[in-house]
PDB file of N, CA and C in Angstrom:
ATOM      1  N   MET A   1     108.925  93.966  78.918  1.00  0.00           N
ATOM      2  CA  MET A   1     107.951  95.289  79.056  1.00  0.00           C
ATOM      3  C   MET A   1     107.822  95.244  77.425  1.00  0.00           C
ATOM      4  N   GLU A   2     106.299  95.913  77.247  1.00  0.00           N
ATOM      5  CA  GLU A   2     105.879  96.079  76.094  1.00  0.00           C
ATOM      6  C   GLU A   2     106.954  97.397  75.409  1.00  0.00           C
ATOM      7  N   ALA A   3     106.899  97.520  73.944  1.00  0.00           N
ATOM      8  CA  ALA A   3     107.735  98.725  73.361  1.00  0.00           C
ATOM      9  C   ALA A   3     107.060  99.904  73.381  1.00  0.00           C
ATOM     10  N   THR A   4     105.181  99.599  73.523  1.00  0.00           N
ATOM     11  CA  THR A   4     104.677 100.756  73.529  1.00  0.00           C
ATOM     12  C   THR A   4     104.555 101.601  74.893  1.00  0.00           C
ATOM     13  N   LEU A   5     105.081 101.215  75.692  1.00  0.00           N
ATOM     14  CA  LEU A   5     105.220 101.977  77.128  1.00  0.00           C
ATOM     15  C   LEU A   5     106.150 103.130  77.277  1.00  0.00           C
ATOM     16  N   PRO A   6     105.632 103.846  77.745  1.00  0.00           N
ATOM     17  CA  PRO A   6     106.680 104.974  78.068  1.00  0.00           C
ATOM     18  C   PRO A   6     107.880 104.923  78.947  1.00  0.00           C
ATOM     19  N   SER A   7     107.856 103.784  79.852  1.00  0.00           N
ATOM     20  CA  SER A   7     108.962 103.171  80.574  1.00  0.00           C
ATOM     21  C   SER A   7     109.034 102.164  80.959  1.00  0.00           C
ATOM     22  N   ASP A   8     110.211 101.561  81.435  1.00  0.00           N
ATOM     23  CA  ASP A   8     110.398 100.374  81.867  1.00  0.00           C
ATOM     24  C   ASP A   8     110.357 100.227  83.490  1.00  0.00           C
ATOM     25  N   THR A   9     109.729 101.314  84.213  1.00  0.00           N
ATOM     26  CA  THR A   9     109.832 101.269  85.532  1.00  0.00           C
ATOM     27  C   THR A   9     108.353 101.312  86.218  1.00  0.00           C
ATOM     28  N   TRP A  10     107.776 100.356  86.505  1.00  0.00           N
ATOM     29  CA  TRP A  10     106.583 100.259  87.282  1.00  0.00           C
ATOM     30  C   TRP A  10     106.153 101.199  88.250  1.00  0.00           C
ATOM     31  N   VAL A  11     105.135 101.927  88.162  1.00  0.00           N
ATOM     32  CA  VAL A  11     104.671 102.550  89.497  1.00  0.00           C
ATOM     33  C   VAL A  11     104.793 101.940  90.779  1.00  0.00           C
ATOM     34  N   PHE A  12     103.815 100.674  90.747  1.00  0.00           N
ATOM     35  CA  PHE A  12     104.231  99.814  91.985  1.00  0.00           C
ATOM     36  C   PHE A  12     104.717  98.631  91.530  1.00  0.00           C
ATOM     37  N   PRO A  13     106.172  98.756  91.560  1.00  0.00           N
ATOM     38  CA  PRO A  13     106.893  97.322  91.480  1.00  0.00           C
ATOM     39  C   PRO A  13     106.490  96.222  92.370  1.00  0.00           C
ATOM     40  N   ALA A  14     106.639  95.012  91.841  1.00  0.00           N
ATOM     41  CA  ALA A  14     106.236  94.070  92.771  1.00  0.00           C
ATOM     42  C   ALA A  14     107.748  93.806  93.682  1.00  0.00           C
ATOM     43  N   PRO A  15     107.227  93.659  95.110  1.00  0.00           N
ATOM     44  CA  PRO A  15     108.547  93.263  95.909  1.00  0.00           C
ATOM     45  C   PRO A  15     109.681  92.486  95.524  1.00  0.00           C
ATOM     46  N   GLU A  16     108.931  91.196  94.988  1.00  0.00           N
ATOM     47  CA  GLU A  16     109.912  90.265  94.947  1.00  0.00           C
ATOM     48  C   GLU A  16     110.924  90.581  93.388  1.00  0.00           C
ATOM     49  N   ASP A  17     110.384  91.120  92.556  1.00  0.00           N
ATOM     50  CA  ASP A  17     110.926  91.183  91.252  1.00  0.00           C
ATOM     51  C   ASP A  17     110.411  92.883  90.642  1.00  0.00           C
ATOM     52  N   ALA A  18     111.246  93.642  90.889  1.00  0.00           N
ATOM     53  CA  ALA A  18     110.893  95.208  90.393  1.00  0.00           C
ATOM     54  C   ALA A  18     110.900  95.266  88.831  1.00  0.00           C
ATOM     55  N   SER A  19     110.996  94.351  88.314  1.00  0.00           N
ATOM     56  CA  SER A  19     110.430  94.317  86.556  1.00  0.00           C
ATOM     57  C   SER A  19     109.193  93.976  86.418  1.00  0.00           C
ATOM     58  N   GLU A  20     108.520  93.391  87.593  1.00  0.00           N
ATOM     59  CA  GLU A  20     107.259  93.158  87.320  1.00  0.00           C
ATOM     60  C   GLU A  20     106.150  94.182  88.236  1.00  0.00           C
ATOM     61  N   PRO A  21     104.709  94.147  87.720  1.00  0.00           N
ATOM     62  CA  PRO A  21     104.037  94.987  88.508  1.00  0.00           C
ATOM     63  C   PRO A  21     103.410  94.641  89.938  1.00  0.00           C
ATOM     64  N   VAL A  22     102.939  95.409  90.749  1.00  0.00           N
ATOM     65  CA  VAL A  22     102.108  94.386  91.895  1.00  0.00           C
ATOM     66  C   VAL A  22     101.133  93.455  91.910  1.00  0.00           C
ATOM     67  N   PRO A  23     101.129  92.476  91.859  1.00  0.00           N
ATOM     68  CA  PRO A  23     100.196  91.667  91.690  1.00  0.00           C
ATOM     69  C   PRO A  23      98.749  92.012  91.917  1.00  0.00           C
ATOM     70  N   LYS A  24      97.873  91.882  90.768  1.00  0.00           N
ATOM     71  CA  LYS A  24      96.414  92.449  90.869  1.00  0.00           C
ATOM     72  C   LYS A  24      95.866  92.471  92.583  1.00  0.00           C
ATOM     73  N   PRO A  25      95.726  90.790  93.195  1.00  0.00           N
ATOM     74  CA  PRO A  25      95.278  90.725  94.367  1.00  0.00           C
ATOM     75  C   PRO A  25      95.779  91.689  95.351  1.00  0.00           C
ATOM     76  N   THR A  26      97.088  91.711  95.267  1.00  0.00           N
ATOM     77  CA  THR A  26      97.694  92.742  96.447  1.00  0.00           C
ATOM     78  C   THR A  26      96.996  94.347  96.109  1.00  0.00           C
ATOM     79  N   VAL A  27      97.033  94.460  94.644  1.00  0.00           N
ATOM     80  CA  VAL A  27      96.348  95.811  94.717  1.00  0.00           C
ATOM     81  C   VAL A  27      94.878  96.137  95.140  1.00  0.00           C
ATOM     82  N   ASP A  28      94.217  95.064  94.630  1.00  0.00           N
ATOM     83  CA  ASP A  28      92.874  94.946  95.136  1.00  0.00           C
ATOM     84  C   ASP A  28      92.658  95.100  96.575  1.00  0.00           C
ATOM     85  N   LYS A  29      93.405  94.253  97.432  1.00  0.00           N
ATOM     86  CA  LYS A  29      93.692  94.497  98.879  1.00  0.00           C
ATOM     87  C   LYS A  29      93.715  95.706  99.247  1.00  0.00           C
ATOM     88  N   TRP A  30      94.690  96.397  98.644  1.00  0.00           N
ATOM     89  CA  TRP A  30      94.839  97.780  98.933  1.00  0.00           C
ATOM     90  C   TRP A  30      93.618  98.516  98.725  1.00  0.00           C
ATOM     91  N   MET A  31      92.923  98.472  97.881  1.00  0.00           N
ATOM     92  CA  MET A  31      91.737  99.637  97.567  1.00  0.00           C
ATOM     93  C   MET A  31      90.687  99.198  98.763  1.00  0.00           C
ATOM     94  N   ALA A  32      90.560  97.978  99.301  1.00  0.00           N
ATOM     95  CA  ALA A  32      89.554  97.307 100.353  1.00  0.00           C
ATOM     96  C   ALA A  32      90.253  98.152 101.609  1.00  0.00           C
ATOM     97  N   GLN A  33      91.693  98.121 101.647  1.00  0.00           N
ATOM     98  CA  GLN A  33      92.020  98.629 102.909  1.00  0.00           C
ATOM     99  C   GLN A  33      91.945 100.219 103.194  1.00  0.00           C
ATOM    100  N   LEU A  34      91.935 100.714 101.836  1.00  0.00           N
ATOM    101  CA  LEU A  34      91.830 102.455 101.690  1.00  0.00           C
ATOM    102  C   LEU A  34      90.190 102.564 101.955  1.00  0.00           C
ATOM    103  N   PHE A  35      89.421 101.804 101.631  1.00  0.00           N
ATOM    104  CA  PHE A  35      87.973 102.317 101.887  1.00  0.00           C
ATOM    105  C   PHE A  35      87.650 101.877 103.452  1.00  0.00           C
ATOM    106  N   GLU A  36      88.186 100.821 103.885  1.00  0.00           N
ATOM    107  CA  GLU A  36      87.902 100.488 105.325  1.00  0.00           C
ATOM    108  C   GLU A  36      88.570 101.703 106.415  1.00  0.00           C
ATOM    109  N   THR A  37      89.681 102.003 105.975  1.00  0.00           N
ATOM    110  CA  THR A  37      90.384 103.157 106.966  1.00  0.00           C
ATOM    111  C   THR A  37      89.515 104.565 106.746  1.00  0.00           C
ATOM    112  N   ALA A  38      89.112 104.688 105.686  1.00  0.00           N
ATOM    113  CA  ALA A  38      88.301 105.827 105.406  1.00  0.00           C
ATOM    114  C   ALA A  38      86.878 105.875 106.083  1.00  0.00           C
ATOM    115  N   GLY A  39      86.425 104.410 106.406  1.00  0.00           N
ATOM    116  CA  GLY A  39      85.322 104.450 107.153  1.00  0.00           C
ATOM    117  C   GLY A  39      84.161 104.460 106.121  1.00  0.00           C
ATOM    118  N   LEU A  40      84.572 103.868 104.993  1.00  0.00           N
ATOM    119  CA  LEU A  40      83.360 103.960 103.836  1.00  0.00           C
ATOM    120  C   LEU A  40      83.095 102.645 103.430  1.00  0.00           C
ATOM    121  N   ALA A  41      82.126 102.085 103.062  1.00  0.00           N
ATOM    122  CA  ALA A  41      81.658 100.974 102.372  1.00  0.00           C
ATOM    123  C   ALA A  41      82.220 100.969 100.973  1.00  0.00           C
ATOM    124  N   LYS A  42      82.731 100.023 100.276  1.00  0.00           N
ATOM    125  CA  LYS A  42      83.663  99.724  99.013  1.00  0.00           C
ATOM    126  C   LYS A  42      82.080  99.374  98.380  1.00  0.00           C
ATOM    127  N   PRO A  43      81.865 100.398  97.223  1.00  0.00           N
ATOM    128  CA  PRO A  43      80.722 100.154  96.183  1.00  0.00           C
ATOM    129  C   PRO A  43      81.262  98.662  95.331  1.00  0.00           C
ATOM    130  N   PRO A  44      80.025  97.936  95.319  1.00  0.00           N
ATOM    131  CA  PRO A  44      80.353  96.726  94.287  1.00  0.00           C
ATOM    132  C   PRO A  44      81.315  97.315  92.863  1.00  0.00           C
ATOM    133  N   ARG A  45      81.935  96.492  92.630  1.00  0.00           N
ATOM    134  CA  ARG A  45      82.733  96.605  91.275  1.00  0.00           C
ATOM    135  C   ARG A  45      83.410  97.754  91.104  1.00  0.00           C
ATOM    136  N   VAL A  46      83.880  98.584  92.018  1.00  0.00           N
ATOM    137  CA  VAL A  46      84.681  99.423  91.983  1.00  0.00           C
ATOM    138  C   VAL A  46      86.117  99.332  92.627  1.00  0.00           C
ATOM    139  N   GLY A  47      87.107  99.451  91.481  1.00  0.00           N
ATOM    140  CA  GLY A  47      88.463  99.569  91.578  1.00  0.00           C
ATOM    141  C   GLY A  47      89.482 100.264  91.178  1.00  0.00           C
ATOM    142  N   TRP A  48      90.615 100.084  90.901  1.00  0.00           N
ATOM    143  CA  TRP A  48      91.611 101.200  90.349  1.00  0.00           C
ATOM    144  C   TRP A  48      91.179 101.942  88.986  1.00  0.00           C
ATOM    145  N   HIS A  49      90.307 100.870  88.241  1.00  0.00           N
ATOM    146  CA  HIS A  49      90.312 101.109  87.010  1.00  0.00           C
ATOM    147  C   HIS A  49      89.198 102.142  87.004  1.00  0.00           C
ATOM    148  N   SER A  50      88.214 102.200  87.787  1.00  0.00           N
ATOM    149  CA  SER A  50      87.171 103.266  88.109  1.00  0.00           C
ATOM    150  C   SER A  50      87.577 104.596  88.139  1.00  0.00           C
ATOM    151  N   LEU A  51      89.046 104.884  88.663  1.00  0.00           N
ATOM    152  CA  LEU A  51      89.503 106.009  88.871  1.00  0.00           C
ATOM    153  C   LEU A  51      90.013 106.776  87.480  1.00  0.00           C
ATOM    154  N   ARG A  52      90.328 105.933  86.639  1.00  0.00           N
ATOM    155  CA  ARG A  52      90.995 106.353  85.203  1.00  0.00           C
ATOM    156  C   ARG A  52      90.302 107.490  84.724  1.00  0.00           C
ATOM    157  N   PRO A  53      88.735 107.247  84.407  1.00  0.00           N
ATOM    158  CA  PRO A  53      87.994 108.403  83.932  1.00  0.00           C
ATOM    159  C   PRO A  53      88.143 109.755  84.708  1.00  0.00           C
ATOM    160  N   LYS A  54      88.130 109.761  86.094  1.00  0.00           N
ATOM    161  CA  LYS A  54      88.286 111.072  86.662  1.00  0.00           C
ATOM    162  C   LYS A  54      89.706 111.413  86.299  1.00  0.00           C
ATOM    163  N   TRP A  55      90.553 110.724  86.393  1.00  0.00           N
ATOM    164  CA  TRP A  55      92.060 111.335  86.074  1.00  0.00           C
ATOM    165  C   TRP A  55      92.281 111.831  84.930  1.00  0.00           C
ATOM    166  N   ALA A  56      91.579 111.209  83.866  1.00  0.00           N
ATOM    167  CA  ALA A  56      91.976 111.734  82.637  1.00  0.00           C
ATOM    168  C   ALA A  56      90.829 113.174  82.288  1.00  0.00           C
ATOM    169  N   THR A  57      89.686 113.250  82.984  1.00  0.00           N
ATOM    170  CA  THR A  57      89.016 114.478  82.850  1.00  0.00           C
ATOM    171  C   THR A  57      89.597 115.226  83.686  1.00  0.00           C
ATOM    172  N   GLU A  58      90.052 115.312  84.569  1.00  0.00           N
ATOM    173  CA  GLU A  58      90.722 116.168  85.359  1.00  0.00           C
ATOM    174  C   GLU A  58      92.295 117.000  84.641  1.00  0.00           C
ATOM    175  N   ARG A  59      92.697 116.137  83.819  1.00  0.00           N
ATOM    176  CA  ARG A  59      93.793 116.648  83.120  1.00  0.00           C
ATOM    177  C   ARG A  59      93.273 116.934  81.694  1.00  0.00           C
ATOM    178  N   ARG A  60      92.142 117.238  80.957  1.00  0.00           N
ATOM    179  CA  ARG A  60      91.766 117.958  80.064  1.00  0.00           C
ATOM    180  C   ARG A  60      92.237 119.261  79.736  1.00  0.00           C
ATOM    181  N   GLY A  61      92.808 119.644  78.686  1.00  0.00           N
ATOM    182  CA  GLY A  61      93.532 120.677  78.159  1.00  0.00           C
ATOM    183  C   GLY A  61      95.058 120.241  78.086  1.00  0.00           C
ATOM    184  N   HIS A  62      95.447 119.020  78.678  1.00  0.00           N
ATOM    185  CA  HIS A  62      96.845 118.853  78.320  1.00  0.00           C
ATOM    186  C   HIS A  62      97.079 118.043  76.749  1.00  0.00           C
ATOM    187  N   ALA A  63      98.356 118.256  76.599  1.00  0.00           N
ATOM    188  CA  ALA A  63      98.319 117.743  75.131  1.00  0.00           C
ATOM    189  C   ALA A  63      97.916 116.072  75.434  1.00  0.00           C
ATOM    190  N   ILE A  64      97.115 115.564  74.025  1.00  0.00           N
ATOM    191  CA  ILE A  64      96.666 114.172  74.035  1.00  0.00           C
ATOM    192  C   ILE A  64      98.054 113.218  74.319  1.00  0.00           C
ATOM    193  N   PRO A  65      99.070 113.528  73.179  1.00  0.00           N
ATOM    194  CA  PRO A  65     100.315 112.849  73.621  1.00  0.00           C
ATOM    195  C   PRO A  65     100.913 112.263  75.033  1.00  0.00           C
ATOM    196  N   ASP A  66     100.772 113.709  75.780  1.00  0.00           N
ATOM    197  CA  ASP A  66     101.121 113.535  77.154  1.00  0.00           C
ATOM    198  C   ASP A  66     100.063 112.706  78.027  1.00  0.00           C
ATOM    199  N   LEU A  67      98.746 112.693  77.883  1.00  0.00           N
ATOM    200  CA  LEU A  67      97.728 112.190  78.668  1.00  0.00           C
ATOM    201  C   LEU A  67      98.177 110.757  78.316  1.00  0.00           C
ATOM    202  N   MET A  68      97.951 110.542  76.852  1.00  0.00           N
ATOM    203  CA  MET A  68      98.218 108.780  76.591  1.00  0.00           C
ATOM    204  C   MET A  68      99.285 108.083  77.406  1.00  0.00           C
ATOM    205  N   ALA A  69     100.447 109.260  77.359  1.00  0.00           N
ATOM    206  CA  ALA A  69     101.762 108.276  77.877  1.00  0.00           C
ATOM    207  C   ALA A  69     101.655 108.355  79.175  1.00  0.00           C
ATOM    208  N   ALA A  70     101.189 109.330  80.022  1.00  0.00           N
ATOM    209  CA  ALA A  70     101.372 109.116  81.454  1.00  0.00           C
ATOM    210  C   ALA A  70     100.118 108.267  82.021  1.00  0.00           C
ATOM    211  N   GLY A  71      98.707 108.149  81.365  1.00  0.00           N
ATOM    212  CA  GLY A  71      97.616 107.511  81.376  1.00  0.00           C
ATOM    213  C   GLY A  71      97.996 106.069  81.060  1.00  0.00           C
ATOM    214  N   GLY A  72      99.037 105.590  79.972  1.00  0.00           N
ATOM    215  CA  GLY A  72      99.186 104.587  79.750  1.00  0.00           C
ATOM    216  C   GLY A  72      97.925 104.045  78.579  1.00  0.00           C
ATOM    217  N   TRP A  73      97.416 104.903  77.842  1.00  0.00           N
ATOM    218  CA  TRP A  73      96.674 104.419  76.714  1.00  0.00           C
ATOM    219  C   TRP A  73      97.336 104.417  75.361  1.00  0.00           C
ATOM    220  N   ALA A  74      97.012 103.336  74.411  1.00  0.00           N
ATOM    221  CA  ALA A  74      97.845 103.234  73.216  1.00  0.00           C
ATOM    222  C   ALA A  74      97.232 103.864  72.573  1.00  0.00           C
ATOM    223  N   SER A  75      95.919 104.478  72.358  1.00  0.00           N
ATOM    224  CA  SER A  75      95.658 105.456  71.337  1.00  0.00           C
ATOM    225  C   SER A  75      94.891 106.651  71.757  1.00  0.00           C
ATOM    226  N   SER A  76      94.620 107.793  70.974  1.00  0.00           N
ATOM    227  CA  SER A  76      93.649 108.874  71.285  1.00  0.00           C
ATOM    228  C   SER A  76      92.172 108.332  71.290  1.00  0.00           C
ATOM    229  N   GLU A  77      91.929 107.442  70.539  1.00  0.00           N
ATOM    230  CA  GLU A  77      90.407 107.059  70.732  1.00  0.00           C
ATOM    231  C   GLU A  77      90.331 106.157  71.647  1.00  0.00           C
ATOM    232  N   ALA A  78      91.217 105.219  72.370  1.00  0.00           N
ATOM    233  CA  ALA A  78      91.003 104.881  73.801  1.00  0.00           C
ATOM    234  C   ALA A  78      90.965 105.542  74.891  1.00  0.00           C
ATOM    235  N   LEU A  79      91.552 106.774  74.918  1.00  0.00           N
ATOM    236  CA  LEU A  79      91.701 108.107  76.104  1.00  0.00           C
ATOM    237  C   LEU A  79      90.056 108.391  75.757  1.00  0.00           C
ATOM    238  N   MET A  80      89.802 108.954  74.610  1.00  0.00           N
ATOM    239  CA  MET A  80      88.428 109.548  74.422  1.00  0.00           C
ATOM    240  C   MET A  80      87.545 109.058  75.199  1.00  0.00           C
ATOM    241  N   ARG A  81      87.287 107.579  75.211  1.00  0.00           N
ATOM    242  CA  ARG A  81      86.465 106.896  75.904  1.00  0.00           C
ATOM    243  C   ARG A  81      86.420 107.239  77.412  1.00  0.00           C
ATOM    244  N   TYR A  82      87.510 107.621  77.886  1.00  0.00           N
ATOM    245  CA  TYR A  82      87.595 108.169  79.111  1.00  0.00           C
ATOM    246  C   TYR A  82      87.354 109.130  79.721  1.00  0.00           C
ATOM    247  N   LEU A  83      87.334 110.335  79.036  1.00  0.00           N
ATOM    248  CA  LEU A  83      87.106 111.946  78.979  1.00  0.00           C
ATOM    249  C   LEU A  83      85.742 111.949  79.231  1.00  0.00           C
ATOM    250  N   LYS A  84      85.245 112.554  80.159  1.00  0.00           N
ATOM    251  CA  LYS A  84      83.945 113.095  80.298  1.00  0.00           C
ATOM    252  C   LYS A  84      83.272 114.229  80.101  1.00  0.00           C
ATOM    253  N   ALA A  85      82.464 114.593  79.569  1.00  0.00           N
ATOM    254  CA  ALA A  85      82.014 115.939  79.133  1.00  0.00           C
ATOM    255  C   ALA A  85      81.446 117.028  80.181  1.00  0.00           C
ATOM    256  N   ASP A  86      81.425 118.101  80.311  1.00  0.00           N
ATOM    257  CA  ASP A  86      81.268 119.023  81.606  1.00  0.00           C
ATOM    258  C   ASP A  86      79.860 119.043  81.466  1.00  0.00           C
ATOM    259  N   ASP A  87      79.031 119.167  82.755  1.00  0.00           N
ATOM    260  CA  ASP A  87      77.675 119.154  82.815  1.00  0.00           C
ATOM    261  C   ASP A  87      77.187 120.464  82.249  1.00  0.00           C
TER     262      ASP A  87
END
């Protein structure tokens, strides 16, 4: 685990080894199953990473260091790329 991460516990640990994250193919399968269960067509190139801008923007107003830690951003500059301006 990298020293810059806020925790040594994964949100979705691998079933075989909790010190590792769930493998990407498994997570991609979960995303496809969510769309299928909801009766929606999964848009091309939409994955979990697509949710990061929405997540960050909905938490605007929280302290930047807290957002960085919760969202896994290593720098405030990286976080700012995800925040969307109000219309």
